[in-house]
């Protein structure tokens, strides 16, 4: 039984490692793409393919459902700002800088969020 738990733990770590590597290549791949395609076109295509992929996965595990009226604005504005705006500004920004700078900016985002949370927590 312990051996099965250890294997599942190793499998989980491998999946997490693979996801982080793929996430890391995202900025480099985006930089290469914006050198050959317009950022707006590339962003639209990436979001479209991602959306189709998410719906296929949700459909396969039978989790697709209609949003309620209360949920719709949250999903709409979350998607608009957290997905569309993020991808658009990332693509547009990478036309002006290196993939290294883009990766540093993205990587330091959570740290900046934590620092600002502490500052705002103390202020209010």
PDB file of N, CA and C in Angstrom:
ATOM      1  N   UNK A   1       0.831  -1.206   0.000  1.00  0.00           N
ATOM      2  CA  UNK A   1       0.000   0.000   0.000  1.00  0.00           C
ATOM      3  C   UNK A   1       0.870   1.262   0.000  1.00  0.00           C
ATOM      4  N   UNK A   2       1.958   1.236   0.790  1.00  0.00           N
ATOM      5  CA  UNK A   2       2.847   2.385   0.847  1.00  0.00           C
ATOM      6  C   UNK A   2       3.506   2.640  -0.500  1.00  0.00           C
ATOM      7  N   UNK A   3       3.798   1.544  -1.219  1.00  0.00           N
ATOM      8  CA  UNK A   3       4.437   1.664  -2.531  1.00  0.00           C
ATOM      9  C   UNK A   3       3.513   2.380  -3.516  1.00  0.00           C
ATOM     10  N   UNK A   4       2.216   2.087  -3.481  1.00  0.00           N
ATOM     11  CA  UNK A   4       1.250   2.727  -4.368  1.00  0.00           C
ATOM     12  C   UNK A   4       1.163   4.219  -4.043  1.00  0.00           C
ATOM     13  N   UNK A   5       1.145   4.563  -2.773  1.00  0.00           N
ATOM     14  CA  UNK A   5       1.093   5.966  -2.356  1.00  0.00           C
ATOM     15  C   UNK A   5       2.338   6.708  -2.826  1.00  0.00           C
ATOM     16  N   UNK A   6       3.496   6.058  -2.706  1.00  0.00           N
ATOM     17  CA  UNK A   6       4.744   6.676  -3.137  1.00  0.00           C
ATOM     18  C   UNK A   6       4.742   6.895  -4.646  1.00  0.00           C
ATOM     19  N   UNK A   7       4.237   5.930  -5.404  1.00  0.00           N
ATOM     20  CA  UNK A   7       4.169   6.076  -6.857  1.00  0.00           C
ATOM     21  C   UNK A   7       3.216   7.188  -7.264  1.00  0.00           C
ATOM     22  N   UNK A   8       2.077   7.291  -6.577  1.00  0.00           N
ATOM     23  CA  UNK A   8       1.131   8.366  -6.885  1.00  0.00           C
ATOM     24  C   UNK A   8       1.743   9.727  -6.568  1.00  0.00           C
ATOM     25  N   UNK A   9       2.505   9.797  -5.484  1.00  0.00           N
ATOM     26  CA  UNK A   9       3.173  11.041  -5.115  1.00  0.00           C
ATOM     27  C   UNK A   9       4.211  11.418  -6.172  1.00  0.00           C
ATOM     28  N   UNK A  10       4.990  10.448  -6.634  1.00  0.00           N
ATOM     29  CA  UNK A  10       5.977  10.710  -7.666  1.00  0.00           C
ATOM     30  C   UNK A  10       5.300  11.139  -8.974  1.00  0.00           C
ATOM     31  N   UNK A  11       4.192  10.500  -9.285  1.00  0.00           N
ATOM     32  CA  UNK A  11       3.448  10.864 -10.491  1.00  0.00           C
ATOM     33  C   UNK A  11       2.941  12.301 -10.392  1.00  0.00           C
ATOM     34  N   UNK A  12       2.446  12.676  -9.233  1.00  0.00           N
ATOM     35  CA  UNK A  12       1.964  14.041  -9.027  1.00  0.00           C
ATOM     36  C   UNK A  12       3.089  15.046  -9.202  1.00  0.00           C
ATOM     37  N   UNK A  13       4.256  14.753  -8.628  1.00  0.00           N
ATOM     38  CA  UNK A  13       5.401  15.653  -8.768  1.00  0.00           C
ATOM     39  C   UNK A  13       5.848  15.757 -10.227  1.00  0.00           C
ATOM     40  N   UNK A  14       5.815  14.632 -10.949  1.00  0.00           N
ATOM     41  CA  UNK A  14       6.192  14.652 -12.362  1.00  0.00           C
ATOM     42  C   UNK A  14       5.229  15.524 -13.159  1.00  0.00           C
ATOM     43  N   UNK A  15       3.944  15.383 -12.904  1.00  0.00           N
ATOM     44  CA  UNK A  15       2.947  16.205 -13.608  1.00  0.00           C
ATOM     45  C   UNK A  15       3.153  17.678 -13.284  1.00  0.00           C
ATOM     46  N   UNK A  16       3.367  18.009 -12.024  1.00  0.00           N
ATOM     47  CA  UNK A  16       3.612  19.400 -11.636  1.00  0.00           C
ATOM     48  C   UNK A  16       4.865  19.948 -12.305  1.00  0.00           C
ATOM     49  N   UNK A  17       5.914  19.144 -12.359  1.00  0.00           N
ATOM     50  CA  UNK A  17       7.155  19.553 -13.026  1.00  0.00           C
ATOM     51  C   UNK A  17       6.895  19.819 -14.506  1.00  0.00           C
ATOM     52  N   UNK A  18       6.189  18.914 -15.165  1.00  0.00           N
ATOM     53  CA  UNK A  18       5.883  19.072 -16.587  1.00  0.00           C
ATOM     54  C   UNK A  18       5.053  20.330 -16.839  1.00  0.00           C
ATOM     55  N   UNK A  19       4.066  20.582 -15.993  1.00  0.00           N
ATOM     56  CA  UNK A  19       3.235  21.773 -16.149  1.00  0.00           C
ATOM     57  C   UNK A  19       4.079  23.041 -15.989  1.00  0.00           C
ATOM     58  N   UNK A  20       4.981  23.066 -15.019  1.00  0.00           N
ATOM     59  CA  UNK A  20       5.828  24.238 -14.813  1.00  0.00           C
ATOM     60  C   UNK A  20       6.788  24.454 -15.988  1.00  0.00           C
ATOM     61  N   UNK A  21       7.307  23.373 -16.551  1.00  0.00           N
ATOM     62  CA  UNK A  21       8.187  23.495 -17.719  1.00  0.00           C
ATOM     63  C   UNK A  21       7.395  24.053 -18.897  1.00  0.00           C
ATOM     64  N   UNK A  22       6.203  23.500 -19.128  1.00  0.00           N
ATOM     65  CA  UNK A  22       5.362  23.995 -20.223  1.00  0.00           C
ATOM     66  C   UNK A  22       4.996  25.455 -19.999  1.00  0.00           C
ATOM     67  N   UNK A  23       4.691  25.816 -18.769  1.00  0.00           N
ATOM     68  CA  UNK A  23       4.348  27.197 -18.436  1.00  0.00           C
ATOM     69  C   UNK A  23       5.549  28.110 -18.700  1.00  0.00           C
ATOM     70  N   UNK A  24       6.731  27.625 -18.388  1.00  0.00           N
ATOM     71  CA  UNK A  24       7.937  28.412 -18.617  1.00  0.00           C
ATOM     72  C   UNK A  24       8.218  28.636 -20.097  1.00  0.00           C
ATOM     73  N   UNK A  25       7.932  27.641 -20.917  1.00  0.00           N
ATOM     74  CA  UNK A  25       8.126  27.792 -22.359  1.00  0.00           C
ATOM     75  C   UNK A  25       7.093  28.716 -22.991  1.00  0.00           C
ATOM     76  N   UNK A  26       6.015  28.990 -22.280  1.00  0.00           N
ATOM     77  CA  UNK A  26       4.939  29.833 -22.814  1.00  0.00           C
ATOM     78  C   UNK A  26       5.448  31.202 -23.256  1.00  0.00           C
ATOM     79  N   UNK A  27       6.249  31.852 -22.435  1.00  0.00           N
ATOM     80  CA  UNK A  27       6.730  33.195 -22.763  1.00  0.00           C
ATOM     81  C   UNK A  27       7.674  33.142 -23.958  1.00  0.00           C
ATOM     82  N   UNK A  28       8.557  32.149 -23.970  1.00  0.00           N
ATOM     83  CA  UNK A  28       9.488  32.017 -25.090  1.00  0.00           C
ATOM     84  C   UNK A  28       8.742  31.724 -26.392  1.00  0.00           C
ATOM     85  N   UNK A  29       7.776  30.834 -26.331  1.00  0.00           N
ATOM     86  CA  UNK A  29       6.990  30.508 -27.523  1.00  0.00           C
ATOM     87  C   UNK A  29       6.196  31.722 -27.994  1.00  0.00           C
ATOM     88  N   UNK A  30       5.629  32.461 -27.057  1.00  0.00           N
ATOM     89  CA  UNK A  30       4.874  33.668 -27.422  1.00  0.00           C
ATOM     90  C   UNK A  30       5.782  34.685 -28.083  1.00  0.00           C
ATOM     91  N   UNK A  31       6.985  34.857 -27.574  1.00  0.00           N
ATOM     92  CA  UNK A  31       7.945  35.787 -28.173  1.00  0.00           C
ATOM     93  C   UNK A  31       8.252  35.388 -29.610  1.00  0.00           C
ATOM     94  N   UNK A  32       8.453  34.111 -29.845  1.00  0.00           N
ATOM     95  CA  UNK A  32       8.725  33.653 -31.205  1.00  0.00           C
ATOM     96  C   UNK A  32       7.511  33.867 -32.106  1.00  0.00           C
ATOM     97  N   UNK A  33       6.318  33.661 -31.577  1.00  0.00           N
ATOM     98  CA  UNK A  33       5.110  33.832 -32.381  1.00  0.00           C
ATOM     99  C   UNK A  33       4.852  35.289 -32.747  1.00  0.00           C
ATOM    100  N   UNK A  34       5.094  36.216 -31.797  1.00  0.00           N
ATOM    101  CA  UNK A  34       4.819  37.629 -32.103  1.00  0.00           C
ATOM    102  C   UNK A  34       5.814  38.207 -33.095  1.00  0.00           C
ATOM    103  N   UNK A  35       6.913  37.511 -33.314  1.00  0.00           N
ATOM    104  CA  UNK A  35       7.849  37.954 -34.346  1.00  0.00           C
ATOM    105  C   UNK A  35       7.333  37.615 -35.748  1.00  0.00           C
ATOM    106  N   UNK A  36       6.362  36.693 -35.834  1.00  0.00           N
ATOM    107  CA  UNK A  36       5.850  36.247 -37.130  1.00  0.00           C
ATOM    108  C   UNK A  36       4.370  36.559 -37.361  1.00  0.00           C
ATOM    109  N   UNK A  37       3.624  36.828 -36.290  1.00  0.00           N
ATOM    110  CA  UNK A  37       2.191  37.101 -36.405  1.00  0.00           C
ATOM    111  C   UNK A  37       1.852  38.379 -35.650  1.00  0.00           C
ATOM    112  N   UNK A  38       0.733  38.982 -36.025  1.00  0.00           N
ATOM    113  CA  UNK A  38       0.256  40.146 -35.279  1.00  0.00           C
ATOM    114  C   UNK A  38      -0.201  39.691 -33.895  1.00  0.00           C
ATOM    115  N   UNK A  39       0.114  40.461 -32.834  1.00  0.00           N
ATOM    116  CA  UNK A  39      -0.267  40.048 -31.483  1.00  0.00           C
ATOM    117  C   UNK A  39      -1.771  39.834 -31.297  1.00  0.00           C
ATOM    118  N   UNK A  40      -2.592  40.672 -31.920  1.00  0.00           N
ATOM    119  CA  UNK A  40      -4.039  40.538 -31.744  1.00  0.00           C
ATOM    120  C   UNK A  40      -4.534  39.233 -32.366  1.00  0.00           C
ATOM    121  N   UNK A  41      -4.054  38.920 -33.556  1.00  0.00           N
ATOM    122  CA  UNK A  41      -4.458  37.689 -34.231  1.00  0.00           C
ATOM    123  C   UNK A  41      -4.011  36.469 -33.436  1.00  0.00           C
ATOM    124  N   UNK A  42      -2.783  36.504 -32.972  1.00  0.00           N
ATOM    125  CA  UNK A  42      -2.255  35.389 -32.215  1.00  0.00           C
ATOM    126  C   UNK A  42      -3.013  35.205 -30.898  1.00  0.00           C
ATOM    127  N   UNK A  43      -3.320  36.300 -30.223  1.00  0.00           N
ATOM    128  CA  UNK A  43      -4.058  36.233 -28.968  1.00  0.00           C
ATOM    129  C   UNK A  43      -5.431  35.627 -29.191  1.00  0.00           C
ATOM    130  N   UNK A  44      -6.125  36.082 -30.227  1.00  0.00           N
ATOM    131  CA  UNK A  44      -7.456  35.555 -30.518  1.00  0.00           C
ATOM    132  C   UNK A  44      -7.395  34.052 -30.799  1.00  0.00           C
ATOM    133  N   UNK A  45      -6.420  33.626 -31.577  1.00  0.00           N
ATOM    134  CA  UNK A  45      -6.294  32.205 -31.896  1.00  0.00           C
ATOM    135  C   UNK A  45      -5.966  31.382 -30.651  1.00  0.00           C
ATOM    136  N   UNK A  46      -5.074  31.875 -29.816  1.00  0.00           N
ATOM    137  CA  UNK A  46      -4.709  31.144 -28.596  1.00  0.00           C
ATOM    138  C   UNK A  46      -5.898  31.000 -27.657  1.00  0.00           C
ATOM    139  N   UNK A  47      -6.665  32.071 -27.482  1.00  0.00           N
ATOM    140  CA  UNK A  47      -7.817  32.018 -26.578  1.00  0.00           C
ATOM    141  C   UNK A  47      -8.895  31.098 -27.157  1.00  0.00           C
ATOM    142  N   UNK A  48      -9.094  31.155 -28.468  1.00  0.00           N
ATOM    143  CA  UNK A  48     -10.086  30.293 -29.106  1.00  0.00           C
ATOM    144  C   UNK A  48      -9.724  28.818 -28.918  1.00  0.00           C
ATOM    145  N   UNK A  49      -8.477  28.462 -29.201  1.00  0.00           N
ATOM    146  CA  UNK A  49      -8.045  27.067 -29.056  1.00  0.00           C
ATOM    147  C   UNK A  49      -8.132  26.634 -27.593  1.00  0.00           C
ATOM    148  N   UNK A  50      -7.750  27.509 -26.674  1.00  0.00           N
ATOM    149  CA  UNK A  50      -7.838  27.181 -25.247  1.00  0.00           C
ATOM    150  C   UNK A  50      -9.281  26.966 -24.815  1.00  0.00           C
ATOM    151  N   UNK A  51     -10.166  27.831 -25.279  1.00  0.00           N
ATOM    152  CA  UNK A  51     -11.587  27.695 -24.931  1.00  0.00           C
ATOM    153  C   UNK A  51     -12.178  26.395 -25.434  1.00  0.00           C
ATOM    154  N   UNK A  52     -11.869  26.049 -26.681  1.00  0.00           N
ATOM    155  CA  UNK A  52     -12.357  24.783 -27.239  1.00  0.00           C
ATOM    156  C   UNK A  52     -11.814  23.604 -26.437  1.00  0.00           C
ATOM    157  N   UNK A  53     -10.540  23.663 -26.088  1.00  0.00           N
ATOM    158  CA  UNK A  53      -9.919  22.587 -25.306  1.00  0.00           C
ATOM    159  C   UNK A  53     -10.588  22.436 -23.941  1.00  0.00           C
ATOM    160  N   UNK A  54     -10.830  23.544 -23.262  1.00  0.00           N
ATOM    161  CA  UNK A  54     -11.483  23.500 -21.951  1.00  0.00           C
ATOM    162  C   UNK A  54     -12.880  22.901 -22.072  1.00  0.00           C
ATOM    163  N   UNK A  55     -13.643  23.328 -23.077  1.00  0.00           N
ATOM    164  CA  UNK A  55     -14.987  22.788 -23.236  1.00  0.00           C
ATOM    165  C   UNK A  55     -14.969  21.304 -23.583  1.00  0.00           C
ATOM    166  N   UNK A  56     -14.004  20.856 -24.384  1.00  0.00           N
ATOM    167  CA  UNK A  56     -13.899  19.426 -24.687  1.00  0.00           C
ATOM    168  C   UNK A  56     -13.594  18.618 -23.424  1.00  0.00           C
ATOM    169  N   UNK A  57     -12.703  19.131 -22.593  1.00  0.00           N
ATOM    170  CA  UNK A  57     -12.376  18.441 -21.341  1.00  0.00           C
ATOM    171  C   UNK A  57     -13.580  18.429 -20.417  1.00  0.00           C
ATOM    172  N   UNK A  58     -14.233  19.582 -20.257  1.00  0.00           N
ATOM    173  CA  UNK A  58     -15.424  19.638 -19.396  1.00  0.00           C
ATOM    174  C   UNK A  58     -16.535  18.741 -19.919  1.00  0.00           C
ATOM    175  N   UNK A  59     -16.711  18.704 -21.228  1.00  0.00           N
ATOM    176  CA  UNK A  59     -17.736  17.855 -21.826  1.00  0.00           C
ATOM    177  C   UNK A  59     -17.431  16.382 -21.582  1.00  0.00           C
ATOM    178  N   UNK A  60     -16.148  16.009 -21.685  1.00  0.00           N
ATOM    179  CA  UNK A  60     -15.771  14.605 -21.504  1.00  0.00           C
ATOM    180  C   UNK A  60     -15.969  14.140 -20.061  1.00  0.00           C
ATOM    181  N   UNK A  61     -15.841  15.058 -19.103  1.00  0.00           N
ATOM    182  CA  UNK A  61     -16.068  14.672 -17.705  1.00  0.00           C
ATOM    183  C   UNK A  61     -17.450  15.092 -17.215  1.00  0.00           C
ATOM    184  N   UNK A  62     -18.303  15.500 -18.167  1.00  0.00           N
ATOM    185  CA  UNK A  62     -19.707  15.835 -17.901  1.00  0.00           C
ATOM    186  C   UNK A  62     -19.872  16.953 -16.869  1.00  0.00           C
ATOM    187  N   UNK A  63     -19.107  18.027 -17.045  1.00  0.00           N
ATOM    188  CA  UNK A  63     -19.194  19.177 -16.148  1.00  0.00           C
ATOM    189  C   UNK A  63     -19.670  20.445 -16.860  1.00  0.00           C
ATOM    190  N   UNK A  64     -20.115  20.332 -18.109  1.00  0.00           N
ATOM    191  CA  UNK A  64     -20.604  21.499 -18.840  1.00  0.00           C
ATOM    192  C   UNK A  64     -22.020  21.812 -18.369  1.00  0.00           C
ATOM    193  N   UNK A  65     -22.268  23.071 -18.069  1.00  0.00           N
ATOM    194  CA  UNK A  65     -23.609  23.502 -17.673  1.00  0.00           C
ATOM    195  C   UNK A  65     -23.764  24.973 -18.013  1.00  0.00           C
ATOM    196  N   UNK A  66     -24.976  25.446 -18.025  1.00  0.00           N
ATOM    197  CA  UNK A  66     -25.249  26.853 -18.283  1.00  0.00           C
ATOM    198  C   UNK A  66     -24.911  27.664 -17.027  1.00  0.00           C
ATOM    199  N   UNK A  67     -24.407  28.870 -17.254  1.00  0.00           N
ATOM    200  CA  UNK A  67     -24.127  29.757 -16.130  1.00  0.00           C
ATOM    201  C   UNK A  67     -25.425  30.387 -15.637  1.00  0.00           C
ATOM    202  N   UNK A  68     -25.474  30.663 -14.351  1.00  0.00           N
ATOM    203  CA  UNK A  68     -26.622  31.388 -13.816  1.00  0.00           C
ATOM    204  C   UNK A  68     -26.436  32.878 -14.105  1.00  0.00           C
ATOM    205  N   UNK A  69     -27.500  33.645 -13.927  1.00  0.00           N
ATOM    206  CA  UNK A  69     -27.401  35.096 -14.144  1.00  0.00           C
ATOM    207  C   UNK A  69     -26.409  35.725 -13.180  1.00  0.00           C
ATOM    208  N   UNK A  70     -26.308  35.177 -11.986  1.00  0.00           N
ATOM    209  CA  UNK A  70     -25.367  35.716 -10.996  1.00  0.00           C
ATOM    210  C   UNK A  70     -23.921  35.387 -11.373  1.00  0.00           C
ATOM    211  N   UNK A  71     -23.685  34.197 -11.932  1.00  0.00           N
ATOM    212  CA  UNK A  71     -22.332  33.772 -12.283  1.00  0.00           C
ATOM    213  C   UNK A  71     -21.816  34.444 -13.549  1.00  0.00           C
ATOM    214  N   UNK A  72     -22.706  34.767 -14.475  1.00  0.00           N
ATOM    215  CA  UNK A  72     -22.289  35.263 -15.780  1.00  0.00           C
ATOM    216  C   UNK A  72     -21.380  36.496 -15.719  1.00  0.00           C
ATOM    217  N   UNK A  73     -21.740  37.554 -14.956  1.00  0.00           N
ATOM    218  CA  UNK A  73     -20.838  38.719 -14.923  1.00  0.00           C
ATOM    219  C   UNK A  73     -19.446  38.384 -14.375  1.00  0.00           C
ATOM    220  N   UNK A  74     -19.374  37.511 -13.390  1.00  0.00           N
ATOM    221  CA  UNK A  74     -18.074  37.132 -12.829  1.00  0.00           C
ATOM    222  C   UNK A  74     -17.225  36.418 -13.876  1.00  0.00           C
ATOM    223  N   UNK A  75     -17.838  35.490 -14.585  1.00  0.00           N
ATOM    224  CA  UNK A  75     -17.111  34.746 -15.612  1.00  0.00           C
ATOM    225  C   UNK A  75     -16.743  35.675 -16.770  1.00  0.00           C
ATOM    226  N   UNK A  76     -17.670  36.543 -17.175  1.00  0.00           N
ATOM    227  CA  UNK A  76     -17.420  37.444 -18.290  1.00  0.00           C
ATOM    228  C   UNK A  76     -16.269  38.400 -17.993  1.00  0.00           C
ATOM    229  N   UNK A  77     -16.354  39.107 -16.866  1.00  0.00           N
ATOM    230  CA  UNK A  77     -15.306  40.079 -16.541  1.00  0.00           C
ATOM    231  C   UNK A  77     -13.998  39.398 -16.147  1.00  0.00           C
ATOM    232  N   UNK A  78     -14.080  38.249 -15.496  1.00  0.00           N
ATOM    233  CA  UNK A  78     -12.869  37.488 -15.193  1.00  0.00           C
ATOM    234  C   UNK A  78     -12.176  37.046 -16.469  1.00  0.00           C
ATOM    235  N   UNK A  79     -12.949  36.556 -17.411  1.00  0.00           N
ATOM    236  CA  UNK A  79     -12.377  36.150 -18.697  1.00  0.00           C
ATOM    237  C   UNK A  79     -11.826  37.326 -19.474  1.00  0.00           C
ATOM    238  N   UNK A  80     -12.549  38.439 -19.439  1.00  0.00           N
ATOM    239  CA  UNK A  80     -12.113  39.624 -20.173  1.00  0.00           C
ATOM    240  C   UNK A  80     -10.791  40.158 -19.640  1.00  0.00           C
ATOM    241  N   UNK A  81     -10.683  40.304 -18.335  1.00  0.00           N
ATOM    242  CA  UNK A  81      -9.478  40.897 -17.766  1.00  0.00           C
ATOM    243  C   UNK A  81      -8.381  39.873 -17.489  1.00  0.00           C
ATOM    244  N   UNK A  82      -8.729  38.708 -16.945  1.00  0.00           N
ATOM    245  CA  UNK A  82      -7.700  37.743 -16.563  1.00  0.00           C
ATOM    246  C   UNK A  82      -7.208  36.892 -17.718  1.00  0.00           C
ATOM    247  N   UNK A  83      -7.971  36.794 -18.782  1.00  0.00           N
ATOM    248  CA  UNK A  83      -7.531  35.988 -19.917  1.00  0.00           C
ATOM    249  C   UNK A  83      -7.214  36.881 -21.114  1.00  0.00           C
ATOM    250  N   UNK A  84      -8.211  37.574 -21.610  1.00  0.00           N
ATOM    251  CA  UNK A  84      -8.032  38.354 -22.838  1.00  0.00           C
ATOM    252  C   UNK A  84      -7.015  39.479 -22.639  1.00  0.00           C
ATOM    253  N   UNK A  85      -7.203  40.294 -21.625  1.00  0.00           N
ATOM    254  CA  UNK A  85      -6.284  41.418 -21.401  1.00  0.00           C
ATOM    255  C   UNK A  85      -4.870  40.911 -21.113  1.00  0.00           C
ATOM    256  N   UNK A  86      -4.768  39.882 -20.284  1.00  0.00           N
ATOM    257  CA  UNK A  86      -3.445  39.339 -19.957  1.00  0.00           C
ATOM    258  C   UNK A  86      -2.730  38.864 -21.215  1.00  0.00           C
ATOM    259  N   UNK A  87      -3.393  38.054 -22.021  1.00  0.00           N
ATOM    260  CA  UNK A  87      -2.763  37.525 -23.230  1.00  0.00           C
ATOM    261  C   UNK A  87      -2.448  38.637 -24.232  1.00  0.00           C
ATOM    262  N   UNK A  88      -3.365  39.589 -24.378  1.00  0.00           N
ATOM    263  CA  UNK A  88      -3.133  40.686 -25.319  1.00  0.00           C
ATOM    264  C   UNK A  88      -1.920  41.521 -24.908  1.00  0.00           C
ATOM    265  N   UNK A  89      -1.883  41.931 -23.644  1.00  0.00           N
ATOM    266  CA  UNK A  89      -0.778  42.776 -23.194  1.00  0.00           C
ATOM    267  C   UNK A  89       0.540  42.006 -23.152  1.00  0.00           C
ATOM    268  N   UNK A  90       0.494  40.710 -22.860  1.00  0.00           N
ATOM    269  CA  UNK A  90       1.705  39.892 -22.915  1.00  0.00           C
ATOM    270  C   UNK A  90       2.236  39.854 -24.347  1.00  0.00           C
ATOM    271  N   UNK A  91       1.356  39.566 -25.293  1.00  0.00           N
ATOM    272  CA  UNK A  91       1.780  39.492 -26.696  1.00  0.00           C
ATOM    273  C   UNK A  91       2.287  40.835 -27.202  1.00  0.00           C
ATOM    274  N   UNK A  92       1.561  41.888 -26.896  1.00  0.00           N
ATOM    275  CA  UNK A  92       1.971  43.219 -27.345  1.00  0.00           C
ATOM    276  C   UNK A  92       3.272  43.641 -26.677  1.00  0.00           C
ATOM    277  N   UNK A  93       3.410  43.363 -25.399  1.00  0.00           N
ATOM    278  CA  UNK A  93       4.632  43.719 -24.681  1.00  0.00           C
ATOM    279  C   UNK A  93       5.850  42.979 -25.199  1.00  0.00           C
ATOM    280  N   UNK A  94       5.656  41.730 -25.584  1.00  0.00           N
ATOM    281  CA  UNK A  94       6.790  40.949 -26.074  1.00  0.00           C
ATOM    282  C   UNK A  94       7.275  41.409 -27.442  1.00  0.00           C
ATOM    283  N   UNK A  95       6.499  42.241 -28.132  1.00  0.00           N
ATOM    284  CA  UNK A  95       7.003  42.814 -29.385  1.00  0.00           C
ATOM    285  C   UNK A  95       8.037  43.896 -29.096  1.00  0.00           C
ATOM    286  N   UNK A  96       8.049  44.413 -27.857  1.00  0.00           N
ATOM    287  CA  UNK A  96       8.932  45.520 -27.497  1.00  0.00           C
ATOM    288  C   UNK A  96      10.100  45.116 -26.595  1.00  0.00           C
ATOM    289  N   UNK A  97      10.097  43.881 -26.082  1.00  0.00           N
ATOM    290  CA  UNK A  97      11.149  43.476 -25.145  1.00  0.00           C
ATOM    291  C   UNK A  97      11.535  42.024 -25.393  1.00  0.00           C
ATOM    292  N   UNK A  98      12.407  41.512 -24.558  1.00  0.00           N
ATOM    293  CA  UNK A  98      12.878  40.133 -24.711  1.00  0.00           C
ATOM    294  C   UNK A  98      11.983  39.164 -23.948  1.00  0.00           C
ATOM    295  N   UNK A  99      12.101  37.893 -24.284  1.00  0.00           N
ATOM    296  CA  UNK A  99      11.342  36.860 -23.570  1.00  0.00           C
ATOM    297  C   UNK A  99      11.801  36.780 -22.111  1.00  0.00           C
ATOM    298  N   UNK A 100      13.079  37.068 -21.870  1.00  0.00           N
ATOM    299  CA  UNK A 100      13.592  37.048 -20.493  1.00  0.00           C
ATOM    300  C   UNK A 100      12.896  38.100 -19.640  1.00  0.00           C
ATOM    301  N   UNK A 101      12.788  39.312 -20.158  1.00  0.00           N
ATOM    302  CA  UNK A 101      12.091  40.367 -19.410  1.00  0.00           C
ATOM    303  C   UNK A 101      10.626  40.008 -19.199  1.00  0.00           C
ATOM    304  N   UNK A 102       9.989  39.472 -20.230  1.00  0.00           N
ATOM    305  CA  UNK A 102       8.590  39.059 -20.092  1.00  0.00           C
ATOM    306  C   UNK A 102       8.423  37.989 -19.042  1.00  0.00           C
ATOM    307  N   UNK A 103       9.335  37.016 -19.029  1.00  0.00           N
ATOM    308  CA  UNK A 103       9.283  35.959 -18.025  1.00  0.00           C
ATOM    309  C   UNK A 103       9.487  36.485 -16.621  1.00  0.00           C
ATOM    310  N   UNK A 104      10.414  37.444 -16.463  1.00  0.00           N
ATOM    311  CA  UNK A 104      10.634  38.041 -15.140  1.00  0.00           C
ATOM    312  C   UNK A 104       9.406  38.806 -14.661  1.00  0.00           C
ATOM    313  N   UNK A 105       8.797  39.554 -15.565  1.00  0.00           N
ATOM    314  CA  UNK A 105       7.602  40.312 -15.198  1.00  0.00           C
ATOM    315  C   UNK A 105       6.486  39.363 -14.771  1.00  0.00           C
ATOM    316  N   UNK A 106       6.260  38.321 -15.557  1.00  0.00           N
ATOM    317  CA  UNK A 106       5.209  37.356 -15.205  1.00  0.00           C
ATOM    318  C   UNK A 106       5.540  36.618 -13.914  1.00  0.00           C
ATOM    319  N   UNK A 107       6.790  36.240 -13.752  1.00  0.00           N
ATOM    320  CA  UNK A 107       7.192  35.495 -12.569  1.00  0.00           C
ATOM    321  C   UNK A 107       7.135  36.299 -11.291  1.00  0.00           C
ATOM    322  N   UNK A 108       7.368  37.598 -11.404  1.00  0.00           N
ATOM    323  CA  UNK A 108       7.343  38.443 -10.214  1.00  0.00           C
ATOM    324  C   UNK A 108       5.940  38.943  -9.873  1.00  0.00           C
ATOM    325  N   UNK A 109       4.973  38.654 -10.720  1.00  0.00           N
ATOM    326  CA  UNK A 109       3.589  39.070 -10.470  1.00  0.00           C
ATOM    327  C   UNK A 109       3.040  38.584  -9.134  1.00  0.00           C
ATOM    328  N   UNK A 110       3.157  37.285  -8.828  1.00  0.00           N
ATOM    329  CA  UNK A 110       2.661  36.808  -7.531  1.00  0.00           C
ATOM    330  C   UNK A 110       3.373  37.452  -6.338  1.00  0.00           C
ATOM    331  N   UNK A 111       4.675  37.704  -6.478  1.00  0.00           N
ATOM    332  CA  UNK A 111       5.409  38.365  -5.400  1.00  0.00           C
ATOM    333  C   UNK A 111       4.894  39.784  -5.197  1.00  0.00           C
ATOM    334  N   UNK A 112       4.688  40.509  -6.286  1.00  0.00           N
ATOM    335  CA  UNK A 112       4.140  41.863  -6.192  1.00  0.00           C
ATOM    336  C   UNK A 112       2.753  41.842  -5.570  1.00  0.00           C
ATOM    337  N   UNK A 113       1.939  40.874  -5.944  1.00  0.00           N
ATOM    338  CA  UNK A 113       0.604  40.753  -5.370  1.00  0.00           C
ATOM    339  C   UNK A 113       0.674  40.541  -3.863  1.00  0.00           C
ATOM    340  N   UNK A 114       1.567  39.685  -3.417  1.00  0.00           N
ATOM    341  CA  UNK A 114       1.706  39.428  -1.984  1.00  0.00           C
ATOM    342  C   UNK A 114       2.180  40.674  -1.239  1.00  0.00           C
ATOM    343  N   UNK A 115       3.135  41.385  -1.812  1.00  0.00           N
ATOM    344  CA  UNK A 115       3.637  42.611  -1.170  1.00  0.00           C
ATOM    345  C   UNK A 115       2.536  43.659  -1.090  1.00  0.00           C
ATOM    346  N   UNK A 116       1.809  43.857  -2.190  1.00  0.00           N
ATOM    347  CA  UNK A 116       0.714  44.834  -2.178  1.00  0.00           C
ATOM    348  C   UNK A 116      -0.396  44.428  -1.216  1.00  0.00           C
ATOM    349  N   UNK A 117      -0.655  43.124  -1.100  1.00  0.00           N
ATOM    350  CA  UNK A 117      -1.683  42.657  -0.151  1.00  0.00           C
ATOM    351  C   UNK A 117      -1.304  43.027   1.276  1.00  0.00           C
ATOM    352  N   UNK A 118      -0.024  42.849   1.615  1.00  0.00           N
ATOM    353  CA  UNK A 118       0.434  43.211   2.965  1.00  0.00           C
ATOM    354  C   UNK A 118       0.321  44.719   3.179  1.00  0.00           C
ATOM    355  N   UNK A 119       0.712  45.509   2.182  1.00  0.00           N
ATOM    356  CA  UNK A 119       0.638  46.965   2.297  1.00  0.00           C
ATOM    357  C   UNK A 119      -0.807  47.421   2.481  1.00  0.00           C
ATOM    358  N   UNK A 120      -1.705  46.917   1.634  1.00  0.00           N
ATOM    359  CA  UNK A 120      -3.114  47.301   1.737  1.00  0.00           C
ATOM    360  C   UNK A 120      -3.759  46.793   3.013  1.00  0.00           C
ATOM    361  N   UNK A 121      -3.337  45.617   3.466  1.00  0.00           N
ATOM    362  CA  UNK A 121      -3.886  45.067   4.712  1.00  0.00           C
ATOM    363  C   UNK A 121      -3.543  45.999   5.880  1.00  0.00           C
ATOM    364  N   UNK A 122      -2.319  46.522   5.882  1.00  0.00           N
ATOM    365  CA  UNK A 122      -1.889  47.429   6.953  1.00  0.00           C
ATOM    366  C   UNK A 122      -2.573  48.791   6.845  1.00  0.00           C
ATOM    367  N   UNK A 123      -2.852  49.229   5.627  1.00  0.00           N
ATOM    368  CA  UNK A 123      -3.465  50.552   5.431  1.00  0.00           C
ATOM    369  C   UNK A 123      -4.938  50.556   5.854  1.00  0.00           C
ATOM    370  N   UNK A 124      -5.628  49.465   5.605  1.00  0.00           N
ATOM    371  CA  UNK A 124      -7.062  49.453   5.874  1.00  0.00           C
ATOM    372  C   UNK A 124      -7.341  48.505   6.995  1.00  0.00           C
TER     373      UNK A 124
END
